[in-house]
N, C-alpha and C. Protein backbone atom coordinates (compact mmCIF):
# COMPACT_ATOMS: atom_id res chain seq x y z
N UNK A 1 0.35 -15.71 -2.39
CA UNK A 1 -0.34 -15.73 -3.65
C UNK A 1 -1.33 -14.57 -3.68
N UNK A 2 -1.43 -13.92 -4.84
CA UNK A 2 -2.32 -12.77 -5.00
C UNK A 2 -3.45 -13.07 -5.97
N UNK A 3 -4.54 -12.34 -5.82
CA UNK A 3 -5.64 -12.34 -6.77
C UNK A 3 -5.96 -10.89 -7.08
N UNK A 4 -6.16 -10.60 -8.35
CA UNK A 4 -6.52 -9.24 -8.76
C UNK A 4 -7.94 -8.93 -8.32
N UNK A 5 -8.14 -7.72 -7.79
CA UNK A 5 -9.47 -7.28 -7.38
C UNK A 5 -10.25 -6.76 -8.60
N UNK A 6 -11.54 -6.92 -8.58
CA UNK A 6 -12.39 -6.46 -9.67
C UNK A 6 -12.82 -5.02 -9.42
N UNK A 7 -12.72 -4.18 -10.47
CA UNK A 7 -13.23 -2.81 -10.39
C UNK A 7 -12.29 -1.78 -9.81
N UNK A 8 -11.14 -2.21 -9.30
CA UNK A 8 -10.14 -1.29 -8.74
C UNK A 8 -8.76 -1.80 -9.14
N UNK A 9 -7.74 -0.94 -9.01
CA UNK A 9 -6.37 -1.35 -9.26
C UNK A 9 -5.83 -1.86 -7.93
N UNK A 10 -6.03 -3.15 -7.68
CA UNK A 10 -5.62 -3.70 -6.41
C UNK A 10 -5.54 -5.21 -6.42
N UNK A 11 -5.04 -5.75 -5.32
CA UNK A 11 -4.86 -7.18 -5.18
C UNK A 11 -5.12 -7.60 -3.74
N UNK A 12 -5.63 -8.82 -3.59
CA UNK A 12 -5.78 -9.39 -2.26
C UNK A 12 -4.80 -10.56 -2.16
N UNK A 13 -4.27 -10.75 -0.96
CA UNK A 13 -3.27 -11.77 -0.71
C UNK A 13 -3.88 -12.93 0.08
N UNK A 14 -3.40 -14.12 -0.18
CA UNK A 14 -3.82 -15.27 0.62
C UNK A 14 -3.30 -15.16 2.06
N UNK A 15 -2.41 -14.20 2.31
CA UNK A 15 -1.90 -13.94 3.66
C UNK A 15 -2.81 -13.02 4.46
N UNK A 16 -3.94 -12.58 3.87
CA UNK A 16 -4.93 -11.83 4.63
C UNK A 16 -4.89 -10.32 4.52
N UNK A 17 -4.19 -9.78 3.54
CA UNK A 17 -4.19 -8.32 3.37
C UNK A 17 -4.63 -7.95 1.96
N UNK A 18 -5.07 -6.70 1.82
CA UNK A 18 -5.51 -6.16 0.54
C UNK A 18 -4.77 -4.85 0.29
N UNK A 19 -4.37 -4.64 -0.97
CA UNK A 19 -3.66 -3.42 -1.37
C UNK A 19 -4.37 -2.85 -2.58
N UNK A 20 -4.72 -1.56 -2.52
CA UNK A 20 -5.40 -0.87 -3.61
C UNK A 20 -4.69 0.44 -3.89
N UNK A 21 -4.42 0.71 -5.17
CA UNK A 21 -3.91 2.03 -5.54
C UNK A 21 -5.11 2.91 -5.80
N UNK A 22 -5.16 4.07 -5.14
CA UNK A 22 -6.32 4.94 -5.27
C UNK A 22 -5.87 6.38 -5.43
N UNK A 23 -6.83 7.26 -5.66
CA UNK A 23 -6.54 8.68 -5.82
C UNK A 23 -6.63 9.13 -7.26
N UNK A 24 -6.20 10.37 -7.48
CA UNK A 24 -6.25 10.95 -8.82
C UNK A 24 -5.21 12.06 -8.93
N UNK A 25 -4.90 12.50 -10.16
CA UNK A 25 -3.96 13.61 -10.31
C UNK A 25 -4.45 14.90 -9.67
N UNK A 26 -5.76 15.04 -9.50
CA UNK A 26 -6.32 16.24 -8.89
C UNK A 26 -6.10 16.25 -7.38
N UNK A 27 -6.22 15.10 -6.75
CA UNK A 27 -6.01 15.01 -5.30
C UNK A 27 -4.58 14.52 -5.06
N UNK A 28 -4.41 13.25 -4.82
CA UNK A 28 -3.10 12.61 -4.76
C UNK A 28 -3.31 11.12 -4.94
N UNK A 29 -2.26 10.45 -5.37
CA UNK A 29 -2.32 9.00 -5.47
C UNK A 29 -1.82 8.41 -4.16
N UNK A 30 -2.38 7.26 -3.79
CA UNK A 30 -1.94 6.58 -2.58
C UNK A 30 -2.14 5.09 -2.73
N UNK A 31 -1.56 4.36 -1.82
CA UNK A 31 -1.83 2.94 -1.68
C UNK A 31 -2.62 2.77 -0.40
N UNK A 32 -3.75 2.08 -0.51
CA UNK A 32 -4.55 1.76 0.66
C UNK A 32 -4.27 0.31 1.03
N UNK A 33 -3.85 0.10 2.27
CA UNK A 33 -3.49 -1.22 2.77
C UNK A 33 -4.47 -1.60 3.88
N UNK A 34 -5.07 -2.78 3.78
CA UNK A 34 -6.02 -3.24 4.79
C UNK A 34 -5.65 -4.64 5.26
N UNK A 35 -5.76 -4.83 6.56
CA UNK A 35 -5.49 -6.14 7.16
C UNK A 35 -6.18 -6.21 8.52
N UNK A 36 -6.88 -7.29 8.76
CA UNK A 36 -7.47 -7.52 10.08
C UNK A 36 -8.41 -6.41 10.55
N UNK A 37 -9.17 -5.82 9.64
CA UNK A 37 -10.11 -4.77 10.01
C UNK A 37 -9.49 -3.39 10.16
N UNK A 38 -8.20 -3.27 9.91
CA UNK A 38 -7.51 -1.98 9.98
C UNK A 38 -7.08 -1.55 8.59
N UNK A 39 -7.06 -0.23 8.37
CA UNK A 39 -6.69 0.32 7.07
C UNK A 39 -5.76 1.51 7.28
N UNK A 40 -4.79 1.65 6.37
CA UNK A 40 -3.95 2.85 6.34
C UNK A 40 -3.72 3.24 4.88
N UNK A 41 -3.30 4.48 4.69
CA UNK A 41 -3.01 4.99 3.36
C UNK A 41 -1.58 5.51 3.32
N UNK A 42 -0.91 5.23 2.22
CA UNK A 42 0.47 5.67 2.01
C UNK A 42 0.51 6.54 0.75
N UNK A 43 0.85 7.81 0.91
CA UNK A 43 0.91 8.73 -0.23
C UNK A 43 2.03 8.33 -1.18
N UNK A 44 1.75 8.44 -2.46
CA UNK A 44 2.75 8.12 -3.49
C UNK A 44 3.36 9.40 -4.03
N UNK A 45 4.64 9.35 -4.34
CA UNK A 45 5.40 10.52 -4.79
C UNK A 45 5.20 10.83 -6.27
N UNK A 46 5.21 9.80 -7.11
CA UNK A 46 5.29 10.03 -8.55
C UNK A 46 4.72 8.82 -9.27
N UNK A 47 3.78 9.05 -10.16
CA UNK A 47 3.24 7.94 -10.94
C UNK A 47 3.50 8.15 -12.43
N UNK A 48 4.63 8.73 -12.77
CA UNK A 48 4.98 8.91 -14.18
C UNK A 48 5.17 7.54 -14.82
N UNK A 49 4.68 7.35 -16.03
CA UNK A 49 4.83 6.05 -16.70
C UNK A 49 6.28 5.60 -16.74
N UNK A 50 6.50 4.35 -16.34
CA UNK A 50 7.84 3.78 -16.37
C UNK A 50 8.70 4.09 -15.16
N UNK A 51 8.24 4.95 -14.26
CA UNK A 51 9.05 5.30 -13.10
C UNK A 51 8.98 4.20 -12.04
N UNK A 52 9.98 4.18 -11.18
CA UNK A 52 9.99 3.26 -10.04
C UNK A 52 9.51 4.06 -8.83
N UNK A 53 8.44 3.59 -8.23
CA UNK A 53 7.81 4.30 -7.11
C UNK A 53 8.36 3.79 -5.78
N UNK A 54 8.96 4.67 -4.96
CA UNK A 54 9.42 4.22 -3.65
C UNK A 54 8.29 4.14 -2.63
N UNK A 55 8.37 3.15 -1.76
CA UNK A 55 7.50 3.05 -0.60
C UNK A 55 8.42 3.20 0.61
N UNK A 56 8.31 4.33 1.29
CA UNK A 56 9.19 4.66 2.40
C UNK A 56 8.70 4.02 3.70
N UNK A 57 9.51 3.15 4.27
CA UNK A 57 9.14 2.44 5.50
C UNK A 57 8.77 3.42 6.61
N UNK A 58 9.56 4.47 6.78
CA UNK A 58 9.32 5.41 7.88
C UNK A 58 8.07 6.27 7.69
N UNK A 59 7.47 6.23 6.50
CA UNK A 59 6.24 7.00 6.26
C UNK A 59 4.98 6.14 6.30
N UNK A 60 5.12 4.86 6.62
CA UNK A 60 3.97 3.97 6.71
C UNK A 60 3.19 4.29 7.98
N UNK A 61 1.86 4.43 7.84
CA UNK A 61 1.01 4.68 9.00
C UNK A 61 0.66 6.14 9.12
N UNK A 62 -0.16 6.45 10.05
CA UNK A 62 -0.80 5.58 11.04
C UNK A 62 -2.02 4.87 10.45
N UNK A 63 -2.58 3.95 11.23
CA UNK A 63 -3.85 3.35 10.86
C UNK A 63 -4.91 4.44 10.85
N UNK A 64 -5.91 4.26 10.02
CA UNK A 64 -7.04 5.21 10.00
C UNK A 64 -7.97 4.92 11.18
N UNK A 65 -8.75 5.95 11.61
CA UNK A 65 -9.71 5.73 12.70
C UNK A 65 -10.66 4.58 12.34
N UNK A 66 -11.06 3.82 13.31
CA UNK A 66 -10.92 4.03 14.75
C UNK A 66 -9.66 3.41 15.35
N UNK A 67 -8.67 3.04 14.53
CA UNK A 67 -7.47 2.37 15.03
C UNK A 67 -6.24 3.29 15.03
N UNK A 68 -6.45 4.59 14.94
CA UNK A 68 -5.34 5.54 14.83
C UNK A 68 -4.40 5.52 16.03
N UNK A 69 -4.87 5.04 17.17
CA UNK A 69 -4.04 5.01 18.36
C UNK A 69 -3.19 3.73 18.47
N UNK A 70 -3.35 2.80 17.53
CA UNK A 70 -2.56 1.57 17.54
C UNK A 70 -1.20 1.85 16.91
N UNK A 71 -0.14 1.68 17.67
CA UNK A 71 1.22 1.98 17.22
C UNK A 71 1.72 0.95 16.22
N UNK A 72 2.55 1.40 15.29
CA UNK A 72 3.25 0.53 14.35
C UNK A 72 4.74 0.63 14.63
N UNK A 73 5.39 -0.49 14.97
CA UNK A 73 6.83 -0.43 15.17
C UNK A 73 7.54 -0.58 13.81
N UNK A 74 8.85 -0.40 13.82
CA UNK A 74 9.60 -0.39 12.57
C UNK A 74 9.46 -1.71 11.80
N UNK A 75 9.49 -2.82 12.49
CA UNK A 75 9.40 -4.11 11.79
C UNK A 75 8.03 -4.29 11.15
N UNK A 76 6.97 -3.81 11.79
CA UNK A 76 5.64 -3.91 11.20
C UNK A 76 5.51 -2.96 10.01
N UNK A 77 6.09 -1.77 10.11
CA UNK A 77 6.08 -0.84 8.98
C UNK A 77 6.79 -1.45 7.78
N UNK A 78 7.95 -2.08 8.02
CA UNK A 78 8.70 -2.72 6.93
C UNK A 78 7.88 -3.84 6.30
N UNK A 79 7.23 -4.66 7.13
CA UNK A 79 6.41 -5.75 6.63
C UNK A 79 5.27 -5.22 5.76
N UNK A 80 4.63 -4.15 6.19
CA UNK A 80 3.54 -3.54 5.42
C UNK A 80 4.09 -2.99 4.10
N UNK A 81 5.24 -2.31 4.14
CA UNK A 81 5.85 -1.79 2.91
C UNK A 81 6.17 -2.92 1.94
N UNK A 82 6.70 -4.03 2.45
CA UNK A 82 7.00 -5.18 1.60
C UNK A 82 5.74 -5.77 1.00
N UNK A 83 4.65 -5.82 1.78
CA UNK A 83 3.37 -6.29 1.26
C UNK A 83 2.87 -5.38 0.13
N UNK A 84 2.95 -4.06 0.35
CA UNK A 84 2.52 -3.10 -0.67
C UNK A 84 3.30 -3.30 -1.97
N UNK A 85 4.60 -3.40 -1.85
CA UNK A 85 5.46 -3.54 -3.04
C UNK A 85 5.16 -4.85 -3.76
N UNK A 86 5.03 -5.94 -3.02
CA UNK A 86 4.74 -7.23 -3.64
C UNK A 86 3.42 -7.20 -4.41
N UNK A 87 2.39 -6.58 -3.82
CA UNK A 87 1.09 -6.50 -4.48
C UNK A 87 1.15 -5.63 -5.73
N UNK A 88 1.83 -4.48 -5.64
CA UNK A 88 1.94 -3.60 -6.80
C UNK A 88 2.77 -4.24 -7.91
N UNK A 89 3.81 -4.98 -7.55
CA UNK A 89 4.59 -5.69 -8.56
C UNK A 89 3.76 -6.79 -9.21
N UNK A 90 2.93 -7.47 -8.45
CA UNK A 90 2.01 -8.47 -9.00
C UNK A 90 1.10 -7.83 -10.06
N UNK A 91 0.70 -6.58 -9.82
CA UNK A 91 -0.17 -5.87 -10.76
C UNK A 91 0.59 -5.28 -11.95
N UNK A 92 1.92 -5.40 -11.93
CA UNK A 92 2.74 -4.93 -13.05
C UNK A 92 3.38 -3.57 -12.87
N UNK A 93 3.23 -2.97 -11.69
CA UNK A 93 3.83 -1.67 -11.40
C UNK A 93 5.26 -1.85 -10.89
N UNK A 94 6.05 -0.79 -10.97
CA UNK A 94 7.43 -0.81 -10.49
C UNK A 94 7.51 -0.07 -9.15
N UNK A 95 7.70 -0.84 -8.09
CA UNK A 95 7.77 -0.30 -6.74
C UNK A 95 8.98 -0.88 -6.03
N UNK A 96 9.52 -0.15 -5.06
CA UNK A 96 10.65 -0.61 -4.28
C UNK A 96 10.51 -0.11 -2.84
N UNK A 97 10.92 -0.93 -1.87
CA UNK A 97 10.92 -0.53 -0.46
C UNK A 97 12.16 0.31 -0.20
N UNK A 98 11.98 1.47 0.44
CA UNK A 98 13.10 2.35 0.78
C UNK A 98 13.09 2.59 2.28
């Protein structure tokens, strides 16, 4: 179950993670994923209205410092990608795991 976050384009899950879409056309858009005191950012390719945004499993990670040395295996990357997509779909965006 998700709850929309106030003041940002994001959602928190009853499963213990938070997903926020951040950035700007001047810098880049990304999804920020946080769980258990760790955070990572996933760069987004295209935010054209109506487009379907891919979340690439192999591009998930690394965690941001101070957890940058914590490895993510393929199954954890896939789980994070699925969490990101589920949260963005809850917010009404079109995302797919690739």
